[in-house]
Amino acid sequence: ENERALAAIAGPTGKPEDDPMFAKLRAIYDDKEKIPAVRLRGDFVYNFWQDEHHVKGIWRRTTMDDFKTPTPTWETVLDVDDLASKEGK
């Protein structure tokens, strides 16, 4: 690890949370209305999603027709938080 690079990221206090930009970016990343980035694979739209309930994230999918609705119904393909818990990580 390069200490100078880490200091540039962490700021003068050594904690990224103390940087004013941190709160702004956190609000964007945690916004409940964020648009999911998706990949179309066959008949399904896939998405990797992270929020306060899925900190490590979930892989999920829905159909394209359902994705076009205001509130798509997502099927969880892989819950990374659950997997990490089962593996003790």
PDB file of N, CA and C in Angstrom:
ATOM      1  N   GLU A   1       0.837  -1.182   0.000  1.00  0.00           N
ATOM      2  CA  GLU A   1       0.000   0.000   0.000  1.00  0.00           C
ATOM      3  C   GLU A   1       0.879   1.242   0.000  1.00  0.00           C
ATOM      4  N   ASN A   2       0.489   2.183  -0.758  1.00  0.00           N
ATOM      5  CA  ASN A   2       1.209   3.436  -0.843  1.00  0.00           C
ATOM      6  C   ASN A   2       0.576   4.424   0.134  1.00  0.00           C
ATOM      7  N   GLU A   3       1.324   4.817   1.154  1.00  0.00           N
ATOM      8  CA  GLU A   3       0.770   5.688   2.205  1.00  0.00           C
ATOM      9  C   GLU A   3       0.302   7.037   1.666  1.00  0.00           C
ATOM     10  N   ARG A   4       1.024   7.570   0.699  1.00  0.00           N
ATOM     11  CA  ARG A   4       0.629   8.861   0.140  1.00  0.00           C
ATOM     12  C   ARG A   4      -0.713   8.744  -0.589  1.00  0.00           C
ATOM     13  N   ALA A   5      -0.903   7.653  -1.327  1.00  0.00           N
ATOM     14  CA  ALA A   5      -2.175   7.434  -2.025  1.00  0.00           C
ATOM     15  C   ALA A   5      -3.308   7.243  -1.027  1.00  0.00           C
ATOM     16  N   LEU A   6      -3.063   6.463   0.025  1.00  0.00           N
ATOM     17  CA  LEU A   6      -4.086   6.251   1.043  1.00  0.00           C
ATOM     18  C   LEU A   6      -4.438   7.552   1.757  1.00  0.00           C
ATOM     19  N   ALA A   7      -3.444   8.391   2.021  1.00  0.00           N
ATOM     20  CA  ALA A   7      -3.693   9.679   2.678  1.00  0.00           C
ATOM     21  C   ALA A   7      -4.535  10.576   1.783  1.00  0.00           C
ATOM     22  N   ALA A   8      -4.305  10.522   0.481  1.00  0.00           N
ATOM     23  CA  ALA A   8      -5.085  11.339  -0.455  1.00  0.00           C
ATOM     24  C   ALA A   8      -6.547  10.902  -0.458  1.00  0.00           C
ATOM     25  N   ILE A   9      -6.783   9.610  -0.321  1.00  0.00           N
ATOM     26  CA  ILE A   9      -8.151   9.092  -0.308  1.00  0.00           C
ATOM     27  C   ILE A   9      -8.816   9.364   1.032  1.00  0.00           C
ATOM     28  N   ALA A  10      -8.095   9.123   2.106  1.00  0.00           N
ATOM     29  CA  ALA A  10      -8.664   9.237   3.450  1.00  0.00           C
ATOM     30  C   ALA A  10      -8.786  10.677   3.923  1.00  0.00           C
ATOM     31  N   GLY A  11      -8.003  11.581   3.376  1.00  0.00           N
ATOM     32  CA  GLY A  11      -8.066  12.974   3.803  1.00  0.00           C
ATOM     33  C   GLY A  11      -7.226  13.220   5.039  1.00  0.00           C
ATOM     34  N   PRO A  12      -7.253  14.445   5.547  1.00  0.00           N
ATOM     35  CA  PRO A  12      -6.381  14.816   6.660  1.00  0.00           C
ATOM     36  C   PRO A  12      -6.675  14.086   7.969  1.00  0.00           C
ATOM     37  N   THR A  13      -7.899  13.637   8.168  1.00  0.00           N
ATOM     38  CA  THR A  13      -8.230  12.964   9.433  1.00  0.00           C
ATOM     39  C   THR A  13      -7.950  11.471   9.384  1.00  0.00           C
ATOM     40  N   GLY A  14      -7.719  10.946   8.193  1.00  0.00           N
ATOM     41  CA  GLY A  14      -7.479   9.515   8.058  1.00  0.00           C
ATOM     42  C   GLY A  14      -8.751   8.709   7.874  1.00  0.00           C
ATOM     43  N   LYS A  15      -9.912   9.379   7.871  1.00  0.00           N
ATOM     44  CA  LYS A  15     -11.188   8.687   7.699  1.00  0.00           C
ATOM     45  C   LYS A  15     -11.924   9.255   6.487  1.00  0.00           C
ATOM     46  N   PRO A  16     -12.215   8.418   5.495  1.00  0.00           N
ATOM     47  CA  PRO A  16     -12.939   8.919   4.317  1.00  0.00           C
ATOM     48  C   PRO A  16     -14.287   9.540   4.685  1.00  0.00           C
ATOM     49  N   GLU A  17     -14.918   9.060   5.770  1.00  0.00           N
ATOM     50  CA  GLU A  17     -16.227   9.570   6.175  1.00  0.00           C
ATOM     51  C   GLU A  17     -16.196  11.063   6.533  1.00  0.00           C
ATOM     52  N   ASP A  18     -15.020  11.588   6.862  1.00  0.00           N
ATOM     53  CA  ASP A  18     -14.894  12.993   7.227  1.00  0.00           C
ATOM     54  C   ASP A  18     -14.792  13.916   6.011  1.00  0.00           C
ATOM     55  N   ASP A  19     -14.620  13.350   4.844  1.00  0.00           N
ATOM     56  CA  ASP A  19     -14.545  14.142   3.621  1.00  0.00           C
ATOM     57  C   ASP A  19     -15.963  14.592   3.251  1.00  0.00           C
ATOM     58  N   PRO A  20     -16.177  15.885   2.974  1.00  0.00           N
ATOM     59  CA  PRO A  20     -17.524  16.370   2.628  1.00  0.00           C
ATOM     60  C   PRO A  20     -18.131  15.652   1.414  1.00  0.00           C
ATOM     61  N   MET A  21     -17.306  15.232   0.505  1.00  0.00           N
ATOM     62  CA  MET A  21     -17.791  14.540  -0.684  1.00  0.00           C
ATOM     63  C   MET A  21     -18.348  13.154  -0.331  1.00  0.00           C
ATOM     64  N   PHE A  22     -17.863  12.564   0.753  1.00  0.00           N
ATOM     65  CA  PHE A  22     -18.290  11.229   1.153  1.00  0.00           C
ATOM     66  C   PHE A  22     -19.804  11.194   1.389  1.00  0.00           C
ATOM     67  N   ALA A  23     -20.330  12.138   2.126  1.00  0.00           N
ATOM     68  CA  ALA A  23     -21.770  12.175   2.421  1.00  0.00           C
ATOM     69  C   ALA A  23     -22.590  12.349   1.148  1.00  0.00           C
ATOM     70  N   LYS A  24     -22.107  13.186   0.236  1.00  0.00           N
ATOM     71  CA  LYS A  24     -22.830  13.396  -1.020  1.00  0.00           C
ATOM     72  C   LYS A  24     -22.872  12.115  -1.843  1.00  0.00           C
ATOM     73  N   LEU A  25     -21.729  11.455  -1.951  1.00  0.00           N
ATOM     74  CA  LEU A  25     -21.679  10.216  -2.717  1.00  0.00           C
ATOM     75  C   LEU A  25     -22.484   9.112  -2.046  1.00  0.00           C
ATOM     76  N   ARG A  26     -22.415   9.029  -0.725  1.00  0.00           N
ATOM     77  CA  ARG A  26     -23.184   8.016   0.010  1.00  0.00           C
ATOM     78  C   ARG A  26     -24.678   8.186  -0.254  1.00  0.00           C
ATOM     79  N   ALA A  27     -25.153   9.436  -0.276  1.00  0.00           N
ATOM     80  CA  ALA A  27     -26.563   9.701  -0.529  1.00  0.00           C
ATOM     81  C   ALA A  27     -26.974   9.236  -1.927  1.00  0.00           C
ATOM     82  N   ILE A  28     -26.096   9.436  -2.897  1.00  0.00           N
ATOM     83  CA  ILE A  28     -26.383   8.986  -4.264  1.00  0.00           C
ATOM     84  C   ILE A  28     -26.430   7.463  -4.317  1.00  0.00           C
ATOM     85  N   TYR A  29     -25.441   6.807  -3.749  1.00  0.00           N
ATOM     86  CA  TYR A  29     -25.372   5.345  -3.792  1.00  0.00           C
ATOM     87  C   TYR A  29     -26.511   4.689  -3.021  1.00  0.00           C
ATOM     88  N   ASP A  30     -26.980   5.327  -1.955  1.00  0.00           N
ATOM     89  CA  ASP A  30     -28.022   4.741  -1.114  1.00  0.00           C
ATOM     90  C   ASP A  30     -29.435   5.183  -1.491  1.00  0.00           C
ATOM     91  N   ASP A  31     -29.562   5.989  -2.521  1.00  0.00           N
ATOM     92  CA  ASP A  31     -30.869   6.489  -2.941  1.00  0.00           C
ATOM     93  C   ASP A  31     -31.796   5.327  -3.311  1.00  0.00           C
ATOM     94  N   LYS A  32     -32.980   5.310  -2.722  1.00  0.00           N
ATOM     95  CA  LYS A  32     -33.952   4.236  -2.968  1.00  0.00           C
ATOM     96  C   LYS A  32     -34.495   4.278  -4.404  1.00  0.00           C
ATOM     97  N   GLU A  33     -34.389   5.406  -5.042  1.00  0.00           N
ATOM     98  CA  GLU A  33     -34.928   5.582  -6.387  1.00  0.00           C
ATOM     99  C   GLU A  33     -33.878   5.382  -7.484  1.00  0.00           C
ATOM    100  N   LYS A  34     -32.716   4.840  -7.128  1.00  0.00           N
ATOM    101  CA  LYS A  34     -31.674   4.679  -8.140  1.00  0.00           C
ATOM    102  C   LYS A  34     -32.129   3.711  -9.231  1.00  0.00           C
ATOM    103  N   ILE A  35     -31.663   3.934 -10.408  1.00  0.00           N
ATOM    104  CA  ILE A  35     -32.026   3.110 -11.555  1.00  0.00           C
ATOM    105  C   ILE A  35     -31.059   1.929 -11.608  1.00  0.00           C
ATOM    106  N   PRO A  36     -31.584   0.697 -11.632  1.00  0.00           N
ATOM    107  CA  PRO A  36     -30.689  -0.454 -11.669  1.00  0.00           C
ATOM    108  C   PRO A  36     -29.980  -0.588 -13.015  1.00  0.00           C
ATOM    109  N   ALA A  37     -28.695  -0.866 -12.970  1.00  0.00           N
ATOM    110  CA  ALA A  37     -27.941  -1.181 -14.182  1.00  0.00           C
ATOM    111  C   ALA A  37     -28.211  -2.648 -14.486  1.00  0.00           C
ATOM    112  N   VAL A  38     -28.621  -2.946 -15.693  1.00  0.00           N
ATOM    113  CA  VAL A  38     -29.045  -4.306 -16.014  1.00  0.00           C
ATOM    114  C   VAL A  38     -28.313  -4.863 -17.230  1.00  0.00           C
ATOM    115  N   ARG A  39     -28.374  -6.182 -17.344  1.00  0.00           N
ATOM    116  CA  ARG A  39     -27.856  -6.914 -18.498  1.00  0.00           C
ATOM    117  C   ARG A  39     -28.949  -7.841 -18.986  1.00  0.00           C
ATOM    118  N   LEU A  40     -29.192  -7.849 -20.269  1.00  0.00           N
ATOM    119  CA  LEU A  40     -30.176  -8.740 -20.861  1.00  0.00           C
ATOM    120  C   LEU A  40     -29.498 -10.049 -21.243  1.00  0.00           C
ATOM    121  N   ARG A  41     -30.021 -11.150 -20.713  1.00  0.00           N
ATOM    122  CA  ARG A  41     -29.509 -12.490 -21.002  1.00  0.00           C
ATOM    123  C   ARG A  41     -30.698 -13.385 -21.318  1.00  0.00           C
ATOM    124  N   GLY A  42     -30.849 -13.749 -22.577  1.00  0.00           N
ATOM    125  CA  GLY A  42     -31.983 -14.578 -22.969  1.00  0.00           C
ATOM    126  C   GLY A  42     -33.292 -13.850 -22.697  1.00  0.00           C
ATOM    127  N   ASP A  43     -34.176 -14.490 -21.955  1.00  0.00           N
ATOM    128  CA  ASP A  43     -35.489 -13.910 -21.654  1.00  0.00           C
ATOM    129  C   ASP A  43     -35.504 -13.072 -20.377  1.00  0.00           C
ATOM    130  N   PHE A  44     -34.356 -12.921 -19.732  1.00  0.00           N
ATOM    131  CA  PHE A  44     -34.318 -12.244 -18.437  1.00  0.00           C
ATOM    132  C   PHE A  44     -33.407 -11.017 -18.433  1.00  0.00           C
ATOM    133  N   VAL A  45     -33.750 -10.090 -17.541  1.00  0.00           N
ATOM    134  CA  VAL A  45     -32.944  -8.919 -17.255  1.00  0.00           C
ATOM    135  C   VAL A  45     -32.292  -9.186 -15.902  1.00  0.00           C
ATOM    136  N   TYR A  46     -30.953  -9.132 -15.844  1.00  0.00           N
ATOM    137  CA  TYR A  46     -30.214  -9.408 -14.609  1.00  0.00           C
ATOM    138  C   TYR A  46     -29.642  -8.113 -14.036  1.00  0.00           C
ATOM    139  N   ASN A  47     -29.513  -8.095 -12.706  1.00  0.00           N
ATOM    140  CA  ASN A  47     -29.008  -6.916 -12.026  1.00  0.00           C
ATOM    141  C   ASN A  47     -28.291  -7.333 -10.746  1.00  0.00           C
ATOM    142  N   PHE A  48     -27.176  -6.655 -10.444  1.00  0.00           N
ATOM    143  CA  PHE A  48     -26.518  -6.813  -9.150  1.00  0.00           C
ATOM    144  C   PHE A  48     -26.933  -5.624  -8.308  1.00  0.00           C
ATOM    145  N   TRP A  49     -27.539  -5.870  -7.146  1.00  0.00           N
ATOM    146  CA  TRP A  49     -28.132  -4.805  -6.337  1.00  0.00           C
ATOM    147  C   TRP A  49     -27.552  -4.791  -4.933  1.00  0.00           C
ATOM    148  N   GLN A  50     -27.244  -3.597  -4.439  1.00  0.00           N
ATOM    149  CA  GLN A  50     -26.782  -3.411  -3.064  1.00  0.00           C
ATOM    150  C   GLN A  50     -27.610  -2.320  -2.410  1.00  0.00           C
ATOM    151  N   ASP A  51     -27.992  -2.565  -1.153  1.00  0.00           N
ATOM    152  CA  ASP A  51     -28.686  -1.562  -0.363  1.00  0.00           C
ATOM    153  C   ASP A  51     -28.426  -1.864   1.106  1.00  0.00           C
ATOM    154  N   GLU A  52     -29.157  -1.188   2.019  1.00  0.00           N
ATOM    155  CA  GLU A  52     -28.900  -1.394   3.442  1.00  0.00           C
ATOM    156  C   GLU A  52     -29.248  -2.803   3.910  1.00  0.00           C
ATOM    157  N   HIS A  53     -30.100  -3.497   3.155  1.00  0.00           N
ATOM    158  CA  HIS A  53     -30.468  -4.874   3.513  1.00  0.00           C
ATOM    159  C   HIS A  53     -29.546  -5.905   2.867  1.00  0.00           C
ATOM    160  N   HIS A  54     -28.912  -5.525   1.790  1.00  0.00           N
ATOM    161  CA  HIS A  54     -28.010  -6.408   1.048  1.00  0.00           C
ATOM    162  C   HIS A  54     -26.684  -5.673   0.847  1.00  0.00           C
ATOM    163  N   VAL A  55     -25.907  -5.608   1.908  1.00  0.00           N
ATOM    164  CA  VAL A  55     -24.663  -4.836   1.899  1.00  0.00           C
ATOM    165  C   VAL A  55     -23.665  -5.425   0.908  1.00  0.00           C
ATOM    166  N   LYS A  56     -23.520  -6.725   0.916  1.00  0.00           N
ATOM    167  CA  LYS A  56     -22.614  -7.383  -0.033  1.00  0.00           C
ATOM    168  C   LYS A  56     -23.267  -7.515  -1.406  1.00  0.00           C
ATOM    169  N   GLY A  57     -24.586  -7.583  -1.429  1.00  0.00           N
ATOM    170  CA  GLY A  57     -25.318  -7.548  -2.689  1.00  0.00           C
ATOM    171  C   GLY A  57     -26.061  -8.825  -3.020  1.00  0.00           C
ATOM    172  N   ILE A  58     -26.959  -8.691  -3.997  1.00  0.00           N
ATOM    173  CA  ILE A  58     -27.691  -9.829  -4.538  1.00  0.00           C
ATOM    174  C   ILE A  58     -27.666  -9.761  -6.056  1.00  0.00           C
ATOM    175  N   TRP A  59     -27.588 -10.912  -6.677  1.00  0.00           N
ATOM    176  CA  TRP A  59     -27.829 -11.022  -8.108  1.00  0.00           C
ATOM    177  C   TRP A  59     -29.292 -11.364  -8.236  1.00  0.00           C
ATOM    178  N   ARG A  60     -29.996 -10.637  -9.088  1.00  0.00           N
ATOM    179  CA  ARG A  60     -31.420 -10.854  -9.240  1.00  0.00           C
ATOM    180  C   ARG A  60     -31.809 -10.753 -10.707  1.00  0.00           C
ATOM    181  N   ARG A  61     -33.033 -11.234 -11.006  1.00  0.00           N
ATOM    182  CA  ARG A  61     -33.486 -11.173 -12.385  1.00  0.00           C
ATOM    183  C   ARG A  61     -34.993 -10.977 -12.441  1.00  0.00           C
ATOM    184  N   THR A  62     -35.439 -10.511 -13.587  1.00  0.00           N
ATOM    185  CA  THR A  62     -36.850 -10.367 -13.883  1.00  0.00           C
ATOM    186  C   THR A  62     -37.005 -10.452 -15.399  1.00  0.00           C
ATOM    187  N   THR A  63     -38.223 -10.538 -15.872  1.00  0.00           N
ATOM    188  CA  THR A  63     -38.442 -10.554 -17.321  1.00  0.00           C
ATOM    189  C   THR A  63     -38.393  -9.123 -17.849  1.00  0.00           C
ATOM    190  N   MET A  64     -38.181  -8.988 -19.151  1.00  0.00           N
ATOM    191  CA  MET A  64     -38.134  -7.652 -19.749  1.00  0.00           C
ATOM    192  C   MET A  64     -39.488  -6.964 -19.614  1.00  0.00           C
ATOM    193  N   ASP A  65     -40.579  -7.707 -19.817  1.00  0.00           N
ATOM    194  CA  ASP A  65     -41.910  -7.107 -19.674  1.00  0.00           C
ATOM    195  C   ASP A  65     -42.121  -6.589 -18.254  1.00  0.00           C
ATOM    196  N   ASP A  66     -41.716  -7.370 -17.257  1.00  0.00           N
ATOM    197  CA  ASP A  66     -41.878  -6.950 -15.870  1.00  0.00           C
ATOM    198  C   ASP A  66     -40.950  -5.787 -15.534  1.00  0.00           C
ATOM    199  N   PHE A  67     -39.748  -5.782 -16.115  1.00  0.00           N
ATOM    200  CA  PHE A  67     -38.789  -4.706 -15.871  1.00  0.00           C
ATOM    201  C   PHE A  67     -39.336  -3.359 -16.333  1.00  0.00           C
ATOM    202  N   LYS A  68     -40.156  -3.377 -17.361  1.00  0.00           N
ATOM    203  CA  LYS A  68     -40.714  -2.135 -17.906  1.00  0.00           C
ATOM    204  C   LYS A  68     -41.814  -1.546 -17.030  1.00  0.00           C
ATOM    205  N   THR A  69     -42.265  -2.278 -16.035  1.00  0.00           N
ATOM    206  CA  THR A  69     -43.309  -1.771 -15.143  1.00  0.00           C
ATOM    207  C   THR A  69     -42.687  -0.858 -14.082  1.00  0.00           C
ATOM    208  N   PRO A  70     -43.502  -0.039 -13.414  1.00  0.00           N
ATOM    209  CA  PRO A  70     -42.966   0.853 -12.372  1.00  0.00           C
ATOM    210  C   PRO A  70     -42.327   0.119 -11.191  1.00  0.00           C
ATOM    211  N   THR A  71     -42.825  -1.072 -10.867  1.00  0.00           N
ATOM    212  CA  THR A  71     -42.279  -1.843  -9.736  1.00  0.00           C
ATOM    213  C   THR A  71     -42.074  -3.295 -10.155  1.00  0.00           C
ATOM    214  N   PRO A  72     -40.958  -3.584 -10.818  1.00  0.00           N
ATOM    215  CA  PRO A  72     -40.716  -4.957 -11.254  1.00  0.00           C
ATOM    216  C   PRO A  72     -40.599  -5.928 -10.078  1.00  0.00           C
ATOM    217  N   THR A  73     -40.992  -7.163 -10.320  1.00  0.00           N
ATOM    218  CA  THR A  73     -40.847  -8.222  -9.338  1.00  0.00           C
ATOM    219  C   THR A  73     -39.539  -8.940  -9.623  1.00  0.00           C
ATOM    220  N   TRP A  74     -38.592  -8.826  -8.705  1.00  0.00           N
ATOM    221  CA  TRP A  74     -37.270  -9.419  -8.884  1.00  0.00           C
ATOM    222  C   TRP A  74     -37.198 -10.787  -8.220  1.00  0.00           C
ATOM    223  N   GLU A  75     -36.559 -11.720  -8.888  1.00  0.00           N
ATOM    224  CA  GLU A  75     -36.271 -13.042  -8.327  1.00  0.00           C
ATOM    225  C   GLU A  75     -34.792 -13.057  -7.941  1.00  0.00           C
ATOM    226  N   THR A  76     -34.492 -13.398  -6.700  1.00  0.00           N
ATOM    227  CA  THR A  76     -33.094 -13.466  -6.266  1.00  0.00           C
ATOM    228  C   THR A  76     -32.449 -14.716  -6.834  1.00  0.00           C
ATOM    229  N   VAL A  77     -31.338 -14.521  -7.542  1.00  0.00           N
ATOM    230  CA  VAL A  77     -30.581 -15.634  -8.106  1.00  0.00           C
ATOM    231  C   VAL A  77     -29.489 -16.061  -7.125  1.00  0.00           C
ATOM    232  N   LEU A  78     -28.812 -15.069  -6.532  1.00  0.00           N
ATOM    233  CA  LEU A  78     -27.755 -15.343  -5.560  1.00  0.00           C
ATOM    234  C   LEU A  78     -27.711 -14.218  -4.536  1.00  0.00           C
ATOM    235  N   ASP A  79     -27.841 -14.571  -3.271  1.00  0.00           N
ATOM    236  CA  ASP A  79     -27.741 -13.609  -2.171  1.00  0.00           C
ATOM    237  C   ASP A  79     -26.329 -13.706  -1.607  1.00  0.00           C
ATOM    238  N   VAL A  80     -25.476 -12.750  -1.954  1.00  0.00           N
ATOM    239  CA  VAL A  80     -24.078 -12.785  -1.551  1.00  0.00           C
ATOM    240  C   VAL A  80     -23.943 -12.640  -0.033  1.00  0.00           C
ATOM    241  N   ASP A  81     -24.795 -11.849   0.601  1.00  0.00           N
ATOM    242  CA  ASP A  81     -24.763 -11.699   2.058  1.00  0.00           C
ATOM    243  C   ASP A  81     -25.055 -13.038   2.740  1.00  0.00           C
ATOM    244  N   ASP A  82     -26.072 -13.740   2.259  1.00  0.00           N
ATOM    245  CA  ASP A  82     -26.436 -15.037   2.827  1.00  0.00           C
ATOM    246  C   ASP A  82     -25.312 -16.050   2.617  1.00  0.00           C
ATOM    247  N   LEU A  83     -24.746 -16.061   1.425  1.00  0.00           N
ATOM    248  CA  LEU A  83     -23.644 -16.980   1.131  1.00  0.00           C
ATOM    249  C   LEU A  83     -22.438 -16.698   2.032  1.00  0.00           C
ATOM    250  N   ALA A  84     -22.093 -15.433   2.186  1.00  0.00           N
ATOM    251  CA  ALA A  84     -20.952 -15.055   3.038  1.00  0.00           C
ATOM    252  C   ALA A  84     -21.212 -15.469   4.478  1.00  0.00           C
ATOM    253  N   SER A  85     -22.443 -15.310   4.940  1.00  0.00           N
ATOM    254  CA  SER A  85     -22.794 -15.702   6.303  1.00  0.00           C
ATOM    255  C   SER A  85     -22.641 -17.208   6.504  1.00  0.00           C
ATOM    256  N   LYS A  86     -23.116 -17.967   5.539  1.00  0.00           N
ATOM    257  CA  LYS A  86     -23.005 -19.436   5.622  1.00  0.00           C
ATOM    258  C   LYS A  86     -21.555 -19.910   5.588  1.00  0.00           C
ATOM    259  N   GLU A  87     -20.716 -19.146   4.880  1.00  0.00           N
ATOM    260  CA  GLU A  87     -19.298 -19.502   4.778  1.00  0.00           C
ATOM    261  C   GLU A  87     -18.474 -18.850   5.881  1.00  0.00           C
ATOM    262  N   GLY A  88     -19.119 -18.106   6.774  1.00  0.00           N
ATOM    263  CA  GLY A  88     -18.422 -17.461   7.884  1.00  0.00           C
ATOM    264  C   GLY A  88     -17.556 -16.299   7.473  1.00  0.00           C
ATOM    265  N   LYS A  89     -17.964 -15.569   6.454  1.00  0.00           N
ATOM    266  CA  LYS A  89     -17.162 -14.432   5.961  1.00  0.00           C
ATOM    267  C   LYS A  89     -17.922 -13.145   6.052  1.00  0.00           C
TER     268      LYS A  89
END
